[in-house]
Amino acid sequence: MPAPDDKQNITLRLSRQVIQKARVLAARRSTSITGLLTSQLEQLTEADDEYERAMRRAIVRMKEGFHLGGTHKLDRDGLHER
């Protein structure tokens, strides 16, 4: 498994219009297109990881059930009496 700070280049094909708008946006934020994309992809993957963790916690809680403070006053036979 690669080290977390081990980086790799990728290639993207974008329309000229998108590239031009990305240049302007990156300049407004005092970064590069690479920096802009890196930041957005890191945020996206971090949000997805957090969603997965929250989903696993929710599933565990559902399997455990919730105690709402009520008590059973009848036993099984008492419930089925007619």
PDB file of N, CA and C in Angstrom:
ATOM      1  N   MET A   1       0.846  -1.179   0.000  1.00  0.00           N
ATOM      2  CA  MET A   1       0.000   0.000   0.000  1.00  0.00           C
ATOM      3  C   MET A   1       0.894   1.245   0.000  1.00  0.00           C
ATOM      4  N   PRO A   2       0.616   2.211  -0.884  1.00  0.00           N
ATOM      5  CA  PRO A   2       1.459   3.408  -0.949  1.00  0.00           C
ATOM      6  C   PRO A   2       1.311   4.276   0.300  1.00  0.00           C
ATOM      7  N   ALA A   3       2.362   5.024   0.572  1.00  0.00           N
ATOM      8  CA  ALA A   3       2.320   5.960   1.701  1.00  0.00           C
ATOM      9  C   ALA A   3       1.262   7.025   1.433  1.00  0.00           C
ATOM     10  N   PRO A   4       0.591   7.552   2.500  1.00  0.00           N
ATOM     11  CA  PRO A   4      -0.474   8.547   2.315  1.00  0.00           C
ATOM     12  C   PRO A   4      -0.026   9.802   1.578  1.00  0.00           C
ATOM     13  N   ASP A   5       1.248  10.173   1.700  1.00  0.00           N
ATOM     14  CA  ASP A   5       1.708  11.393   1.038  1.00  0.00           C
ATOM     15  C   ASP A   5       2.315  11.102  -0.338  1.00  0.00           C
ATOM     16  N   ASP A   6       2.279   9.838  -0.764  1.00  0.00           N
ATOM     17  CA  ASP A   6       2.762   9.465  -2.087  1.00  0.00           C
ATOM     18  C   ASP A   6       1.748   9.940  -3.123  1.00  0.00           C
ATOM     19  N   LYS A   7       2.180  10.812  -4.015  1.00  0.00           N
ATOM     20  CA  LYS A   7       1.251  11.426  -4.970  1.00  0.00           C
ATOM     21  C   LYS A   7       1.480  10.883  -6.366  1.00  0.00           C
ATOM     22  N   GLN A   8       0.432  10.934  -7.170  1.00  0.00           N
ATOM     23  CA  GLN A   8       0.493  10.438  -8.532  1.00  0.00           C
ATOM     24  C   GLN A   8      -0.232  11.414  -9.438  1.00  0.00           C
ATOM     25  N   ASN A   9       0.278  11.634 -10.618  1.00  0.00           N
ATOM     26  CA  ASN A   9      -0.361  12.524 -11.586  1.00  0.00           C
ATOM     27  C   ASN A   9      -1.494  11.818 -12.308  1.00  0.00           C
ATOM     28  N   ILE A  10      -2.494  12.608 -12.718  1.00  0.00           N
ATOM     29  CA  ILE A  10      -3.573  12.107 -13.560  1.00  0.00           C
ATOM     30  C   ILE A  10      -3.749  13.070 -14.728  1.00  0.00           C
ATOM     31  N   THR A  11      -4.417  12.609 -15.763  1.00  0.00           N
ATOM     32  CA  THR A  11      -4.685  13.447 -16.929  1.00  0.00           C
ATOM     33  C   THR A  11      -6.183  13.576 -17.104  1.00  0.00           C
ATOM     34  N   LEU A  12      -6.642  14.779 -17.376  1.00  0.00           N
ATOM     35  CA  LEU A  12      -8.065  15.037 -17.592  1.00  0.00           C
ATOM     36  C   LEU A  12      -8.259  15.656 -18.962  1.00  0.00           C
ATOM     37  N   ARG A  13      -9.382  15.370 -19.575  1.00  0.00           N
ATOM     38  CA  ARG A  13      -9.770  16.024 -20.820  1.00  0.00           C
ATOM     39  C   ARG A  13     -11.003  16.858 -20.517  1.00  0.00           C
ATOM     40  N   LEU A  14     -10.844  18.159 -20.646  1.00  0.00           N
ATOM     41  CA  LEU A  14     -11.936  19.085 -20.368  1.00  0.00           C
ATOM     42  C   LEU A  14     -12.098  20.026 -21.555  1.00  0.00           C
ATOM     43  N   SER A  15     -13.289  20.572 -21.674  1.00  0.00           N
ATOM     44  CA  SER A  15     -13.516  21.536 -22.750  1.00  0.00           C
ATOM     45  C   SER A  15     -12.696  22.800 -22.475  1.00  0.00           C
ATOM     46  N   ARG A  16     -12.398  23.529 -23.510  1.00  0.00           N
ATOM     47  CA  ARG A  16     -11.629  24.771 -23.361  1.00  0.00           C
ATOM     48  C   ARG A  16     -12.369  25.768 -22.487  1.00  0.00           C
ATOM     49  N   GLN A  17     -13.684  25.784 -22.607  1.00  0.00           N
ATOM     50  CA  GLN A  17     -14.494  26.710 -21.803  1.00  0.00           C
ATOM     51  C   GLN A  17     -14.351  26.381 -20.316  1.00  0.00           C
ATOM     52  N   VAL A  18     -14.419  25.100 -19.969  1.00  0.00           N
ATOM     53  CA  VAL A  18     -14.286  24.698 -18.567  1.00  0.00           C
ATOM     54  C   VAL A  18     -12.885  25.030 -18.060  1.00  0.00           C
ATOM     55  N   ILE A  19     -11.883  24.779 -18.872  1.00  0.00           N
ATOM     56  CA  ILE A  19     -10.506  25.090 -18.462  1.00  0.00           C
ATOM     57  C   ILE A  19     -10.341  26.587 -18.215  1.00  0.00           C
ATOM     58  N   GLN A  20     -10.885  27.401 -19.100  1.00  0.00           N
ATOM     59  CA  GLN A  20     -10.770  28.853 -18.935  1.00  0.00           C
ATOM     60  C   GLN A  20     -11.461  29.310 -17.647  1.00  0.00           C
ATOM     61  N   LYS A  21     -12.661  28.799 -17.410  1.00  0.00           N
ATOM     62  CA  LYS A  21     -13.373  29.169 -16.184  1.00  0.00           C
ATOM     63  C   LYS A  21     -12.616  28.679 -14.950  1.00  0.00           C
ATOM     64  N   ALA A  22     -12.021  27.495 -15.040  1.00  0.00           N
ATOM     65  CA  ALA A  22     -11.251  26.947 -13.916  1.00  0.00           C
ATOM     66  C   ALA A  22     -10.024  27.803 -13.640  1.00  0.00           C
ATOM     67  N   ARG A  23      -9.374  28.312 -14.676  1.00  0.00           N
ATOM     68  CA  ARG A  23      -8.216  29.203 -14.495  1.00  0.00           C
ATOM     69  C   ARG A  23      -8.613  30.460 -13.736  1.00  0.00           C
ATOM     70  N   VAL A  24      -9.739  31.032 -14.141  1.00  0.00           N
ATOM     71  CA  VAL A  24     -10.218  32.253 -13.479  1.00  0.00           C
ATOM     72  C   VAL A  24     -10.566  31.955 -12.023  1.00  0.00           C
ATOM     73  N   LEU A  25     -11.289  30.864 -11.806  1.00  0.00           N
ATOM     74  CA  LEU A  25     -11.681  30.492 -10.446  1.00  0.00           C
ATOM     75  C   LEU A  25     -10.454  30.232  -9.579  1.00  0.00           C
ATOM     76  N   ALA A  26      -9.490  29.510 -10.103  1.00  0.00           N
ATOM     77  CA  ALA A  26      -8.270  29.220  -9.354  1.00  0.00           C
ATOM     78  C   ALA A  26      -7.522  30.516  -9.030  1.00  0.00           C
ATOM     79  N   ALA A  27      -7.442  31.435  -9.994  1.00  0.00           N
ATOM     80  CA  ALA A  27      -6.753  32.710  -9.757  1.00  0.00           C
ATOM     81  C   ALA A  27      -7.446  33.502  -8.649  1.00  0.00           C
ATOM     82  N   ARG A  28      -8.776  33.499  -8.650  1.00  0.00           N
ATOM     83  CA  ARG A  28      -9.521  34.206  -7.589  1.00  0.00           C
ATOM     84  C   ARG A  28      -9.216  33.634  -6.214  1.00  0.00           C
ATOM     85  N   ARG A  29      -8.926  32.350  -6.182  1.00  0.00           N
ATOM     86  CA  ARG A  29      -8.643  31.683  -4.904  1.00  0.00           C
ATOM     87  C   ARG A  29      -7.150  31.575  -4.628  1.00  0.00           C
ATOM     88  N   SER A  30      -6.359  32.234  -5.433  1.00  0.00           N
ATOM     89  CA  SER A  30      -4.895  32.244  -5.278  1.00  0.00           C
ATOM     90  C   SER A  30      -4.313  30.828  -5.260  1.00  0.00           C
ATOM     91  N   THR A  31      -4.753  30.020  -6.201  1.00  0.00           N
ATOM     92  CA  THR A  31      -4.238  28.659  -6.313  1.00  0.00           C
ATOM     93  C   THR A  31      -4.139  28.294  -7.788  1.00  0.00           C
ATOM     94  N   SER A  32      -3.796  27.086  -8.058  1.00  0.00           N
ATOM     95  CA  SER A  32      -3.720  26.592  -9.433  1.00  0.00           C
ATOM     96  C   SER A  32      -4.928  25.699  -9.706  1.00  0.00           C
ATOM     97  N   ILE A  33      -5.128  25.338 -10.954  1.00  0.00           N
ATOM     98  CA  ILE A  33      -6.199  24.393 -11.276  1.00  0.00           C
ATOM     99  C   ILE A  33      -5.946  23.076 -10.545  1.00  0.00           C
ATOM    100  N   THR A  34      -4.690  22.656 -10.509  1.00  0.00           N
ATOM    101  CA  THR A  34      -4.348  21.426  -9.784  1.00  0.00           C
ATOM    102  C   THR A  34      -4.718  21.554  -8.308  1.00  0.00           C
ATOM    103  N   GLY A  35      -4.367  22.678  -7.702  1.00  0.00           N
ATOM    104  CA  GLY A  35      -4.709  22.891  -6.292  1.00  0.00           C
ATOM    105  C   GLY A  35      -6.205  22.915  -6.071  1.00  0.00           C
ATOM    106  N   LEU A  36      -6.918  23.542  -6.991  1.00  0.00           N
ATOM    107  CA  LEU A  36      -8.372  23.615  -6.912  1.00  0.00           C
ATOM    108  C   LEU A  36      -8.988  22.224  -6.976  1.00  0.00           C
ATOM    109  N   LEU A  37      -8.561  21.441  -7.965  1.00  0.00           N
ATOM    110  CA  LEU A  37      -9.091  20.084  -8.123  1.00  0.00           C
ATOM    111  C   LEU A  37      -8.689  19.183  -6.963  1.00  0.00           C
ATOM    112  N   THR A  38      -7.457  19.310  -6.504  1.00  0.00           N
ATOM    113  CA  THR A  38      -6.994  18.509  -5.376  1.00  0.00           C
ATOM    114  C   THR A  38      -7.858  18.764  -4.147  1.00  0.00           C
ATOM    115  N   SER A  39      -8.094  20.029  -3.856  1.00  0.00           N
ATOM    116  CA  SER A  39      -8.914  20.391  -2.700  1.00  0.00           C
ATOM    117  C   SER A  39     -10.324  19.830  -2.816  1.00  0.00           C
ATOM    118  N   GLN A  40     -10.930  19.979  -3.981  1.00  0.00           N
ATOM    119  CA  GLN A  40     -12.299  19.500  -4.177  1.00  0.00           C
ATOM    120  C   GLN A  40     -12.379  17.983  -4.079  1.00  0.00           C
ATOM    121  N   LEU A  41     -11.418  17.280  -4.671  1.00  0.00           N
ATOM    122  CA  LEU A  41     -11.426  15.815  -4.607  1.00  0.00           C
ATOM    123  C   LEU A  41     -11.171  15.306  -3.198  1.00  0.00           C
ATOM    124  N   GLU A  42     -10.291  15.982  -2.464  1.00  0.00           N
ATOM    125  CA  GLU A  42     -10.051  15.594  -1.071  1.00  0.00           C
ATOM    126  C   GLU A  42     -11.312  15.786  -0.234  1.00  0.00           C
ATOM    127  N   GLN A  43     -12.009  16.902  -0.426  1.00  0.00           N
ATOM    128  CA  GLN A  43     -13.252  17.143   0.314  1.00  0.00           C
ATOM    129  C   GLN A  43     -14.313  16.109  -0.045  1.00  0.00           C
ATOM    130  N   LEU A  44     -14.414  15.781  -1.313  1.00  0.00           N
ATOM    131  CA  LEU A  44     -15.402  14.810  -1.773  1.00  0.00           C
ATOM    132  C   LEU A  44     -15.136  13.430  -1.186  1.00  0.00           C
ATOM    133  N   THR A  45     -13.887  12.988  -1.223  1.00  0.00           N
ATOM    134  CA  THR A  45     -13.576  11.662  -0.700  1.00  0.00           C
ATOM    135  C   THR A  45     -13.683  11.614   0.819  1.00  0.00           C
ATOM    136  N   GLU A  46     -13.336  12.717   1.485  1.00  0.00           N
ATOM    137  CA  GLU A  46     -13.478  12.775   2.942  1.00  0.00           C
ATOM    138  C   GLU A  46     -14.951  12.717   3.343  1.00  0.00           C
ATOM    139  N   ALA A  47     -15.797  13.430   2.629  1.00  0.00           N
ATOM    140  CA  ALA A  47     -17.240  13.408   2.914  1.00  0.00           C
ATOM    141  C   ALA A  47     -17.805  12.011   2.686  1.00  0.00           C
ATOM    142  N   ASP A  48     -17.341  11.334   1.643  1.00  0.00           N
ATOM    143  CA  ASP A  48     -17.806   9.982   1.373  1.00  0.00           C
ATOM    144  C   ASP A  48     -17.362   9.018   2.473  1.00  0.00           C
ATOM    145  N   ASP A  49     -16.121   9.161   2.939  1.00  0.00           N
ATOM    146  CA  ASP A  49     -15.629   8.325   4.041  1.00  0.00           C
ATOM    147  C   ASP A  49     -16.454   8.555   5.299  1.00  0.00           C
ATOM    148  N   GLU A  50     -16.755   9.819   5.610  1.00  0.00           N
ATOM    149  CA  GLU A  50     -17.557  10.134   6.796  1.00  0.00           C
ATOM    150  C   GLU A  50     -18.957   9.557   6.667  1.00  0.00           C
ATOM    151  N   TYR A  51     -19.537   9.625   5.479  1.00  0.00           N
ATOM    152  CA  TYR A  51     -20.863   9.051   5.248  1.00  0.00           C
ATOM    153  C   TYR A  51     -20.838   7.543   5.515  1.00  0.00           C
ATOM    154  N   GLU A  52     -19.819   6.859   5.022  1.00  0.00           N
ATOM    155  CA  GLU A  52     -19.699   5.415   5.236  1.00  0.00           C
ATOM    156  C   GLU A  52     -19.570   5.087   6.725  1.00  0.00           C
ATOM    157  N   ARG A  53     -18.767   5.869   7.450  1.00  0.00           N
ATOM    158  CA  ARG A  53     -18.627   5.640   8.900  1.00  0.00           C
ATOM    159  C   ARG A  53     -19.958   5.862   9.610  1.00  0.00           C
ATOM    160  N   ALA A  54     -20.669   6.915   9.241  1.00  0.00           N
ATOM    161  CA  ALA A  54     -21.969   7.199   9.862  1.00  0.00           C
ATOM    162  C   ALA A  54     -22.966   6.091   9.552  1.00  0.00           C
ATOM    163  N   MET A  55     -22.939   5.574   8.338  1.00  0.00           N
ATOM    164  CA  MET A  55     -23.840   4.491   7.958  1.00  0.00           C
ATOM    165  C   MET A  55     -23.552   3.242   8.789  1.00  0.00           C
ATOM    166  N   ARG A  56     -22.277   2.910   8.964  1.00  0.00           N
ATOM    167  CA  ARG A  56     -21.938   1.737   9.780  1.00  0.00           C
ATOM    168  C   ARG A  56     -22.387   1.920  11.230  1.00  0.00           C
ATOM    169  N   ARG A  57     -22.197   3.141  11.778  1.00  0.00           N
ATOM    170  CA  ARG A  57     -22.650   3.396  13.157  1.00  0.00           C
ATOM    171  C   ARG A  57     -24.166   3.259  13.261  1.00  0.00           C
ATOM    172  N   ALA A  58     -24.888   3.776  12.275  1.00  0.00           N
ATOM    173  CA  ALA A  58     -26.349   3.702  12.296  1.00  0.00           C
ATOM    174  C   ALA A  58     -26.822   2.256  12.222  1.00  0.00           C
ATOM    175  N   ILE A  59     -26.176   1.452  11.405  1.00  0.00           N
ATOM    176  CA  ILE A  59     -26.564   0.042  11.279  1.00  0.00           C
ATOM    177  C   ILE A  59     -26.320  -0.690  12.588  1.00  0.00           C
ATOM    178  N   VAL A  60     -25.197  -0.412  13.237  1.00  0.00           N
ATOM    179  CA  VAL A  60     -24.914  -1.041  14.535  1.00  0.00           C
ATOM    180  C   VAL A  60     -25.992  -0.655  15.544  1.00  0.00           C
ATOM    181  N   ARG A  61     -26.353   0.623  15.576  1.00  0.00           N
ATOM    182  CA  ARG A  61     -27.386   1.075  16.522  1.00  0.00           C
ATOM    183  C   ARG A  61     -28.732   0.419  16.233  1.00  0.00           C
ATOM    184  N   MET A  62     -29.076   0.282  14.962  1.00  0.00           N
ATOM    185  CA  MET A  62     -30.352  -0.356  14.623  1.00  0.00           C
ATOM    186  C   MET A  62     -30.361  -1.816  15.032  1.00  0.00           C
ATOM    187  N   LYS A  63     -29.226  -2.509  14.869  1.00  0.00           N
ATOM    188  CA  LYS A  63     -29.152  -3.919  15.261  1.00  0.00           C
ATOM    189  C   LYS A  63     -29.250  -4.070  16.776  1.00  0.00           C
ATOM    190  N   GLU A  64     -28.694  -3.106  17.508  1.00  0.00           N
ATOM    191  CA  GLU A  64     -28.762  -3.146  18.969  1.00  0.00           C
ATOM    192  C   GLU A  64     -30.169  -2.822  19.464  1.00  0.00           C
ATOM    193  N   GLY A  65     -30.882  -2.009  18.731  1.00  0.00           N
ATOM    194  CA  GLY A  65     -32.218  -1.593  19.136  1.00  0.00           C
ATOM    195  C   GLY A  65     -32.147  -0.416  20.092  1.00  0.00           C
ATOM    196  N   PHE A  66     -33.303   0.146  20.364  1.00  0.00           N
ATOM    197  CA  PHE A  66     -33.389   1.312  21.239  1.00  0.00           C
ATOM    198  C   PHE A  66     -34.312   0.993  22.404  1.00  0.00           C
ATOM    199  N   HIS A  67     -33.869   1.280  23.603  1.00  0.00           N
ATOM    200  CA  HIS A  67     -34.719   1.117  24.777  1.00  0.00           C
ATOM    201  C   HIS A  67     -35.399   2.454  25.032  1.00  0.00           C
ATOM    202  N   LEU A  68     -36.712   2.461  24.908  1.00  0.00           N
ATOM    203  CA  LEU A  68     -37.467   3.705  25.035  1.00  0.00           C
ATOM    204  C   LEU A  68     -38.076   3.892  26.422  1.00  0.00           C
ATOM    205  N   GLY A  69     -37.664   3.044  27.370  1.00  0.00           N
ATOM    206  CA  GLY A  69     -38.097   3.216  28.744  1.00  0.00           C
ATOM    207  C   GLY A  69     -39.357   2.453  29.118  1.00  0.00           C
ATOM    208  N   GLY A  70     -40.003   1.831  28.182  1.00  0.00           N
ATOM    209  CA  GLY A  70     -41.217   1.073  28.482  1.00  0.00           C
ATOM    210  C   GLY A  70     -40.900  -0.270  29.106  1.00  0.00           C
ATOM    211  N   THR A  71     -41.897  -0.840  29.766  1.00  0.00           N
ATOM    212  CA  THR A  71     -41.732  -2.176  30.352  1.00  0.00           C
ATOM    213  C   THR A  71     -42.888  -3.055  29.904  1.00  0.00           C
ATOM    214  N   HIS A  72     -42.636  -4.344  29.833  1.00  0.00           N
ATOM    215  CA  HIS A  72     -43.678  -5.311  29.476  1.00  0.00           C
ATOM    216  C   HIS A  72     -44.396  -5.738  30.744  1.00  0.00           C
ATOM    217  N   LYS A  73     -45.717  -5.574  30.782  1.00  0.00           N
ATOM    218  CA  LYS A  73     -46.488  -5.947  31.966  1.00  0.00           C
ATOM    219  C   LYS A  73     -47.199  -7.277  31.761  1.00  0.00           C
ATOM    220  N   LEU A  74     -47.286  -7.719  30.525  1.00  0.00           N
ATOM    221  CA  LEU A  74     -47.911  -8.994  30.233  1.00  0.00           C
ATOM    222  C   LEU A  74     -46.874  -9.966  29.697  1.00  0.00           C
ATOM    223  N   ASP A  75     -47.061 -11.244  30.043  1.00  0.00           N
ATOM    224  CA  ASP A  75     -46.180 -12.237  29.451  1.00  0.00           C
ATOM    225  C   ASP A  75     -46.804 -12.747  28.151  1.00  0.00           C
ATOM    226  N   ARG A  76     -46.127 -13.613  27.466  1.00  0.00           N
ATOM    227  CA  ARG A  76     -46.582 -14.113  26.167  1.00  0.00           C
ATOM    228  C   ARG A  76     -47.964 -14.766  26.271  1.00  0.00           C
ATOM    229  N   ASP A  77     -48.169 -15.596  27.280  1.00  0.00           N
ATOM    230  CA  ASP A  77     -49.469 -16.254  27.437  1.00  0.00           C
ATOM    231  C   ASP A  77     -50.574 -15.236  27.699  1.00  0.00           C
ATOM    232  N   GLY A  78     -50.276 -14.229  28.485  1.00  0.00           N
ATOM    233  CA  GLY A  78     -51.280 -13.209  28.780  1.00  0.00           C
ATOM    234  C   GLY A  78     -51.677 -12.408  27.549  1.00  0.00           C
ATOM    235  N   LEU A  79     -50.779 -12.214  26.651  1.00  0.00           N
ATOM    236  CA  LEU A  79     -51.057 -11.481  25.424  1.00  0.00           C
ATOM    237  C   LEU A  79     -51.988 -12.262  24.489  1.00  0.00           C
ATOM    238  N   HIS A  80     -51.899 -13.599  24.579  1.00  0.00           N
ATOM    239  CA  HIS A  80     -52.665 -14.431  23.650  1.00  0.00           C
ATOM    240  C   HIS A  80     -53.951 -14.964  24.256  1.00  0.00           C
ATOM    241  N   GLU A  81     -54.289 -14.599  25.478  1.00  0.00           N
ATOM    242  CA  GLU A  81     -55.556 -15.028  26.076  1.00  0.00           C
ATOM    243  C   GLU A  81     -56.709 -14.351  25.376  1.00  0.00           C
ATOM    244  N   ARG A  82     -57.789 -15.071  25.258  1.00  0.00           N
ATOM    245  CA  ARG A  82     -58.996 -14.496  24.644  1.00  0.00           C
ATOM    246  C   ARG A  82     -60.114 -14.473  25.620  1.00  0.00           C
TER     247      ARG A  82
END
